[in-house]
Amino acid sequence: MWVPLLALIFGFLTLIWSADRFLSGAASTALNLGVPKLLIGLTVVSLGTSTPEILVAIAAAIDGNALMAIGNAIGSNIANIGLVLGLTAMVAPLPFSKGVLRRELPWLLLATFVTMVLMFDLELSRIDGLILFGGLAYILYRLARQGGGNPDALPEEMEEELQELPQLGSRQAWFWLGIGLIVMLASAQLLVWAATEIALWLGVSQLIIGLTVIAVGTSLPELATTLGAAIKGQNEIAIGNVVGSNILNLLAVLAVPALISAPLFDNVAFWRDAGMMLALTLALALFAYAIGSRPVITRFEGAVILCGWIGYNYVLFQHISLP
């Protein structure tokens, strides 16, 4: 059992490390080739941050573990709101930026409702996967329209993320692009193997492992980034990071197992897991749009959603029966 556990930890560490190197290499390579900033922002910056989750979903679906990929996508959304925003709001109240209120949060609500409708028949078909990817393409199109035809005009949050990435020379950029991609692919495969072995040892479904271990592990970068932003006083970017990540989890990560294997799941997965994701997303909307209150996640509200996440995981762990 120690080998899968150590492999899981090592896989998470190398996945996070390689994703950072891949993102830096890809952005610098594109800039060195003269690619417009708008295109870099819509592809490398937007989708690049979700590359680890997408690769894990691909590896899991190809290995016949599509339920693990579904659990990763849904569980990451639950952890991003309940754990990441809940814990961060207890450190410092989190205000909603105007961009999140007007654009990103409505998109997340729409993506969540569409996902619930597609999952209602207890199957994610290939048509469902195409619908999810179509939603992603539409959002990227809307972001491109905001540039007003200027190829170097980026939304403010993307501009900040692009500026934070190191500017590498051509050779360095290609080197880290290649190394990052190779290590990410290997790390994703290692994670899926380790998680499968742990699921077999614990006697639980791959869905439960995806909802817990894999979901929390892939949410750790968001937790570190969000907590760091709150400690630095950059509270407004915290919610935007999580909302953007959750949109991509639904429209990109969840679409992968649908397109590869069209998996079936049971009522419990829909009502308990997708239902919890919907409940936390609606709670986020309530904090943002409630009449007579400021658009901010207070410390008390953070404690409420954190307790909700802890309670949800307690219910999941009831399904674990040690041999």
Protein backbone atom coordinates (compact mmCIF):
# COMPACT_ATOMS: atom_id res chain seq x y z
CA MET A 1 0.00 0.00 0.00
CA TRP A 2 2.93 2.31 0.64
CA VAL A 3 4.02 2.22 -3.00
CA PRO A 4 0.69 3.62 -4.37
CA LEU A 5 0.58 6.24 -1.60
CA LEU A 6 4.12 7.43 -2.33
CA ALA A 7 3.39 7.32 -6.06
CA LEU A 8 0.26 9.44 -5.50
CA ILE A 9 2.19 12.10 -3.55
CA PHE A 10 5.05 12.09 -6.06
CA GLY A 11 2.54 12.29 -8.93
CA PHE A 12 0.83 15.35 -7.46
CA LEU A 13 4.15 17.13 -6.84
CA THR A 14 5.50 16.47 -10.34
CA LEU A 15 2.15 17.33 -11.93
CA ILE A 16 2.05 20.75 -10.23
CA TRP A 17 5.73 21.41 -11.01
CA SER A 18 5.48 20.36 -14.66
CA ALA A 19 2.25 22.31 -15.21
CA ASP A 20 4.00 25.51 -14.11
CA ARG A 21 6.96 24.82 -16.42
CA PHE A 22 4.68 23.90 -19.32
CA LEU A 23 2.63 27.10 -18.92
CA SER A 24 5.75 29.29 -18.81
CA GLY A 25 7.29 27.53 -21.81
CA ALA A 26 4.09 27.65 -23.86
CA ALA A 27 3.45 31.34 -23.17
CA SER A 28 7.06 32.35 -23.92
CA THR A 29 7.18 30.22 -27.08
CA ALA A 30 3.99 31.83 -28.36
CA LEU A 31 5.26 35.34 -27.57
CA ASN A 32 8.62 34.62 -29.24
CA LEU A 33 6.78 33.44 -32.37
CA GLY A 34 4.77 36.67 -32.48
CA VAL A 35 1.41 35.15 -31.54
CA PRO A 36 -1.06 37.92 -30.52
CA LYS A 37 -1.54 38.32 -26.78
CA LEU A 38 -5.28 37.81 -27.09
CA LEU A 39 -4.81 34.34 -28.59
CA ILE A 40 -2.22 33.45 -25.93
CA GLY A 41 -4.57 34.57 -23.19
CA LEU A 42 -7.52 32.60 -24.56
CA THR A 43 -5.52 29.39 -25.02
CA VAL A 44 -2.33 29.18 -22.99
CA VAL A 45 -3.39 31.24 -19.98
CA SER A 46 -7.06 30.23 -19.86
CA LEU A 47 -6.87 26.56 -20.76
CA GLY A 48 -3.26 25.98 -19.72
CA THR A 49 -4.06 26.27 -16.01
CA SER A 50 -6.50 23.34 -16.36
CA THR A 51 -4.12 21.16 -18.38
CA PRO A 52 -3.26 18.90 -15.39
CA GLU A 53 -6.93 18.11 -14.75
CA ILE A 54 -7.55 17.54 -18.46
CA LEU A 55 -4.59 15.16 -18.77
CA VAL A 56 -5.65 13.24 -15.66
CA ALA A 57 -9.16 12.95 -17.14
CA ILE A 58 -7.75 11.70 -20.47
CA ALA A 59 -5.50 9.14 -18.75
CA ALA A 60 -8.34 7.93 -16.54
CA ALA A 61 -10.84 7.65 -19.40
CA ILE A 62 -8.39 5.81 -21.67
CA ASP A 63 -7.60 3.36 -18.85
CA GLY A 64 -11.30 2.63 -18.43
CA ASN A 65 -11.60 4.76 -15.27
CA ALA A 66 -14.04 7.34 -16.61
CA LEU A 67 -15.85 7.61 -13.26
CA MET A 68 -12.60 8.80 -11.70
CA ALA A 69 -12.45 11.57 -14.31
CA ILE A 70 -16.05 12.57 -13.57
CA GLY A 71 -15.32 12.55 -9.84
CA ASN A 72 -12.24 14.72 -10.41
CA ALA A 73 -14.20 17.39 -12.31
CA ILE A 74 -17.19 17.52 -9.93
CA GLY A 75 -15.11 17.05 -6.78
CA SER A 76 -12.71 19.82 -7.80
CA ASN A 77 -15.62 22.25 -8.17
CA ILE A 78 -16.92 21.24 -4.73
CA ALA A 79 -13.44 21.59 -3.18
CA ASN A 80 -12.76 24.92 -4.94
CA ILE A 81 -15.84 26.53 -3.40
CA GLY A 82 -16.14 24.70 -0.08
CA LEU A 83 -12.47 24.26 0.83
CA VAL A 84 -10.58 26.94 -1.11
CA LEU A 85 -13.03 29.86 -0.86
CA GLY A 86 -14.36 28.77 2.54
CA LEU A 87 -10.92 28.57 4.13
CA THR A 88 -9.66 31.74 2.43
CA ALA A 89 -12.73 33.77 3.44
CA MET A 90 -12.09 32.82 7.07
CA VAL A 91 -8.63 34.38 6.72
CA ALA A 92 -9.94 37.54 5.02
CA PRO A 93 -13.41 38.39 3.60
CA LEU A 94 -13.48 37.97 -0.18
CA PRO A 95 -15.19 40.65 -2.32
CA PHE A 96 -16.62 39.84 -5.77
CA SER A 97 -15.05 41.92 -8.54
CA LYS A 98 -17.30 43.59 -11.11
CA GLY A 99 -16.04 41.25 -13.82
CA VAL A 100 -16.98 38.17 -11.79
CA LEU A 101 -20.44 39.56 -10.95
CA ARG A 102 -21.27 40.57 -14.52
CA ARG A 103 -19.57 37.87 -16.52
CA GLU A 104 -17.81 34.86 -14.92
CA LEU A 105 -20.35 33.94 -12.21
CA PRO A 106 -23.36 33.99 -14.60
CA TRP A 107 -21.34 31.77 -16.95
CA LEU A 108 -20.58 29.37 -14.10
CA LEU A 109 -24.26 29.22 -13.10
CA LEU A 110 -25.27 28.53 -16.70
CA ALA A 111 -22.56 25.87 -17.15
CA THR A 112 -23.61 24.18 -13.89
CA PHE A 113 -27.30 24.07 -14.84
CA VAL A 114 -26.48 22.75 -18.34
CA THR A 115 -24.26 20.06 -16.79
CA MET A 116 -27.04 19.02 -14.41
CA VAL A 117 -29.48 18.71 -17.31
CA LEU A 118 -27.00 16.63 -19.35
CA MET A 119 -26.32 14.33 -16.39
CA PHE A 120 -30.00 13.85 -15.50
CA ASP A 121 -30.28 10.71 -17.65
CA LEU A 122 -27.33 9.20 -15.69
CA GLU A 123 -25.07 9.19 -18.73
CA LEU A 124 -22.52 11.52 -20.26
CA SER A 125 -22.82 10.77 -23.96
CA ARG A 126 -20.54 11.96 -26.71
CA ILE A 127 -23.21 14.46 -27.73
CA ASP A 128 -23.12 15.78 -24.15
CA GLY A 129 -19.35 16.15 -24.47
CA LEU A 130 -19.73 18.12 -27.69
CA ILE A 131 -22.30 20.40 -26.03
CA LEU A 132 -19.90 21.09 -23.14
CA PHE A 133 -17.01 21.82 -25.51
CA GLY A 134 -19.34 24.02 -27.54
CA GLY A 135 -20.07 26.03 -24.40
CA LEU A 136 -16.35 26.45 -23.83
CA ALA A 137 -15.85 27.64 -27.41
CA TYR A 138 -18.67 30.17 -27.00
CA ILE A 139 -17.14 31.61 -23.80
CA LEU A 140 -13.73 31.92 -25.46
CA TYR A 141 -15.42 33.68 -28.39
CA ARG A 142 -17.11 36.14 -26.02
CA LEU A 143 -13.76 36.84 -24.35
CA ALA A 144 -12.21 37.47 -27.75
CA ARG A 145 -15.01 39.92 -28.58
CA GLN A 146 -14.10 41.91 -25.48
CA GLY A 147 -10.78 42.70 -27.14
CA GLY A 148 -12.69 44.80 -29.66
CA GLY A 149 -10.64 43.40 -32.55
CA ASN A 150 -7.33 44.40 -30.92
CA PRO A 151 -5.07 41.28 -30.95
CA ASP A 152 -3.12 42.58 -27.94
CA ALA A 153 -6.16 43.56 -25.83
CA LEU A 154 -6.62 41.14 -22.94
CA PRO A 155 -9.15 41.00 -20.10
CA GLU A 156 -7.49 42.46 -16.99
CA GLU A 157 -7.22 39.16 -15.10
CA MET A 158 -5.56 37.42 -18.09
CA GLU A 159 -3.14 40.33 -18.53
CA GLU A 160 -2.07 39.99 -14.89
CA GLU A 161 -1.57 36.22 -15.20
CA LEU A 162 0.47 36.62 -18.39
CA GLN A 163 2.69 39.27 -16.79
CA GLU A 164 3.40 36.98 -13.83
CA LEU A 165 4.85 34.29 -16.12
CA PRO A 166 8.64 34.47 -16.66
CA GLN A 167 9.80 35.63 -20.09
CA LEU A 168 12.11 32.93 -21.51
CA GLY A 169 14.40 32.89 -24.50
CA SER A 170 13.50 30.74 -27.49
CA ARG A 171 15.63 27.71 -26.53
CA GLN A 172 14.59 27.82 -22.89
CA ALA A 173 10.93 28.18 -23.84
CA TRP A 174 10.97 25.17 -26.18
CA PHE A 175 12.92 23.12 -23.62
CA TRP A 176 10.45 23.75 -20.77
CA LEU A 177 7.47 23.35 -23.10
CA GLY A 178 8.67 19.85 -24.04
CA ILE A 179 9.84 18.80 -20.56
CA GLY A 180 6.69 20.15 -18.94
CA LEU A 181 4.41 18.27 -21.34
CA ILE A 182 6.31 14.97 -21.03
CA VAL A 183 6.42 15.10 -17.21
CA MET A 184 2.73 16.10 -17.05
CA LEU A 185 1.74 13.12 -19.20
CA ALA A 186 3.81 10.74 -17.07
CA SER A 187 2.51 12.28 -13.82
CA ALA A 188 -1.12 11.99 -14.94
CA GLN A 189 -0.63 8.31 -15.79
CA LEU A 190 1.10 7.70 -12.46
CA LEU A 191 -1.71 9.44 -10.56
CA VAL A 192 -4.39 7.36 -12.23
CA TRP A 193 -2.50 4.12 -11.50
CA ALA A 194 -1.90 5.06 -7.85
CA ALA A 195 -5.48 6.21 -7.33
CA THR A 196 -6.83 3.00 -8.88
CA GLU A 197 -4.66 0.87 -6.60
CA ILE A 198 -5.77 2.84 -3.54
CA ALA A 199 -9.42 2.48 -4.55
CA LEU A 200 -9.01 -1.29 -4.84
CA TRP A 201 -7.23 -1.49 -1.47
CA LEU A 202 -9.91 0.59 0.29
CA GLY A 203 -12.73 -1.22 -1.45
CA VAL A 204 -14.35 1.95 -2.81
CA SER A 205 -15.38 3.05 -6.26
CA GLN A 206 -13.12 5.06 -8.53
CA LEU A 207 -15.76 7.81 -8.37
CA ILE A 208 -15.17 8.24 -4.61
CA ILE A 209 -11.40 8.45 -5.09
CA GLY A 210 -11.90 11.03 -7.84
CA LEU A 211 -14.25 13.06 -5.63
CA THR A 212 -11.86 13.07 -2.67
CA VAL A 213 -8.16 12.35 -3.15
CA ILE A 214 -7.78 13.42 -6.80
CA ALA A 215 -10.15 16.38 -6.46
CA VAL A 216 -8.40 17.82 -3.40
CA GLY A 217 -4.97 17.17 -4.91
CA THR A 218 -5.76 19.02 -8.13
CA SER A 219 -7.34 21.86 -6.10
CA LEU A 220 -4.18 22.44 -4.04
CA PRO A 221 -2.71 24.95 -6.55
CA GLU A 222 -5.93 27.01 -6.36
CA LEU A 223 -5.80 26.85 -2.56
CA ALA A 224 -2.19 28.05 -2.47
CA THR A 225 -2.83 30.82 -5.02
CA THR A 226 -6.05 32.01 -3.36
CA LEU A 227 -4.66 31.99 0.17
CA GLY A 228 -1.53 33.80 -1.04
CA ALA A 229 -3.63 36.46 -2.76
CA ALA A 230 -5.73 36.97 0.40
CA ILE A 231 -2.65 37.27 2.61
CA LYS A 232 -1.17 39.86 0.19
CA GLY A 233 -4.43 41.81 0.26
CA GLN A 234 -5.30 40.93 -3.37
CA ASN A 235 -8.69 39.59 -2.30
CA GLU A 236 -10.59 40.49 -5.46
CA ILE A 237 -8.69 38.05 -7.68
CA ALA A 238 -9.34 35.09 -5.38
CA ILE A 239 -12.96 34.43 -6.37
CA GLY A 240 -12.21 35.04 -10.05
CA ASN A 241 -9.52 32.33 -10.02
CA VAL A 242 -11.91 29.77 -8.52
CA VAL A 243 -14.89 30.67 -10.72
CA GLY A 244 -12.74 30.44 -13.86
CA SER A 245 -11.32 27.10 -12.76
CA ASN A 246 -14.80 25.72 -12.08
CA ILE A 247 -16.06 26.76 -15.52
CA LEU A 248 -13.16 24.91 -17.16
CA ASN A 249 -13.71 21.84 -14.97
CA LEU A 250 -17.25 21.56 -16.33
CA LEU A 251 -16.75 22.53 -19.96
CA ALA A 252 -13.29 21.05 -20.60
CA VAL A 253 -12.43 18.41 -17.97
CA LEU A 254 -15.91 16.83 -17.69
CA ALA A 255 -16.23 16.74 -21.48
CA VAL A 256 -13.18 14.48 -21.81
CA PRO A 257 -14.65 11.23 -20.39
CA ALA A 258 -17.89 11.95 -22.25
CA LEU A 259 -16.11 12.13 -25.61
CA ILE A 260 -13.78 9.18 -24.95
CA SER A 261 -16.04 6.58 -23.32
CA ALA A 262 -19.57 8.00 -22.73
CA PRO A 263 -19.73 6.67 -19.12
CA LEU A 264 -22.81 5.69 -17.13
CA PHE A 265 -23.24 6.49 -13.42
CA ASP A 266 -25.88 5.93 -10.76
CA ASN A 267 -28.49 8.06 -9.01
CA VAL A 268 -26.23 8.58 -5.99
CA ALA A 269 -23.54 10.22 -8.10
CA PHE A 270 -26.10 12.60 -9.58
CA TRP A 271 -28.11 13.62 -6.52
CA ARG A 272 -25.33 13.49 -3.91
CA ASP A 273 -22.30 14.69 -5.86
CA ALA A 274 -23.62 16.83 -8.72
CA GLY A 275 -26.31 18.05 -6.29
CA MET A 276 -23.64 19.19 -3.82
CA MET A 277 -21.81 21.00 -6.61
CA LEU A 278 -25.03 22.78 -7.56
CA ALA A 279 -25.80 23.68 -3.93
CA LEU A 280 -22.38 25.28 -3.35
CA THR A 281 -22.56 27.14 -6.68
CA LEU A 282 -25.98 28.53 -5.73
CA ALA A 283 -24.60 29.51 -2.31
CA LEU A 284 -21.85 31.43 -4.11
CA ALA A 285 -24.50 33.21 -6.20
CA LEU A 286 -26.49 34.00 -3.04
CA PHE A 287 -23.45 35.62 -1.43
CA ALA A 288 -22.91 37.67 -4.61
CA TYR A 289 -26.44 38.78 -5.52
CA ALA A 290 -28.43 38.74 -2.25
CA ILE A 291 -30.58 41.87 -1.96
CA GLY A 292 -29.51 44.25 0.78
CA SER A 293 -26.06 42.76 1.29
CA ARG A 294 -22.59 43.59 -0.01
CA PRO A 295 -21.17 41.27 -2.72
CA VAL A 296 -18.61 39.65 -0.44
CA ILE A 297 -17.99 36.26 1.18
CA THR A 298 -17.78 37.05 4.89
CA ARG A 299 -15.89 35.01 7.48
CA PHE A 300 -19.19 33.52 8.69
CA GLU A 301 -20.24 32.59 5.15
CA GLY A 302 -16.80 31.10 4.57
CA ALA A 303 -17.22 28.97 7.70
CA VAL A 304 -20.65 27.81 6.47
CA ILE A 305 -19.43 26.56 3.08
CA LEU A 306 -16.29 25.05 4.65
CA CYS A 307 -18.47 23.11 7.11
CA GLY A 308 -20.62 22.02 4.17
CA TRP A 309 -17.54 20.67 2.39
CA ILE A 310 -16.37 18.85 5.54
CA GLY A 311 -19.83 17.35 6.05
CA TYR A 312 -19.99 16.22 2.43
CA ASN A 313 -16.62 14.49 2.71
CA TYR A 314 -17.72 12.84 5.95
CA VAL A 315 -20.63 11.31 4.03
CA LEU A 316 -18.26 10.12 1.30
CA PHE A 317 -15.90 8.51 3.79
CA GLN A 318 -18.78 6.49 5.17
CA HIS A 319 -18.55 4.51 1.95
CA ILE A 320 -14.95 3.51 2.66
CA SER A 321 -14.68 0.05 4.17
CA LEU A 322 -11.14 -0.85 5.14
CA PRO A 323 -10.25 -4.51 4.48
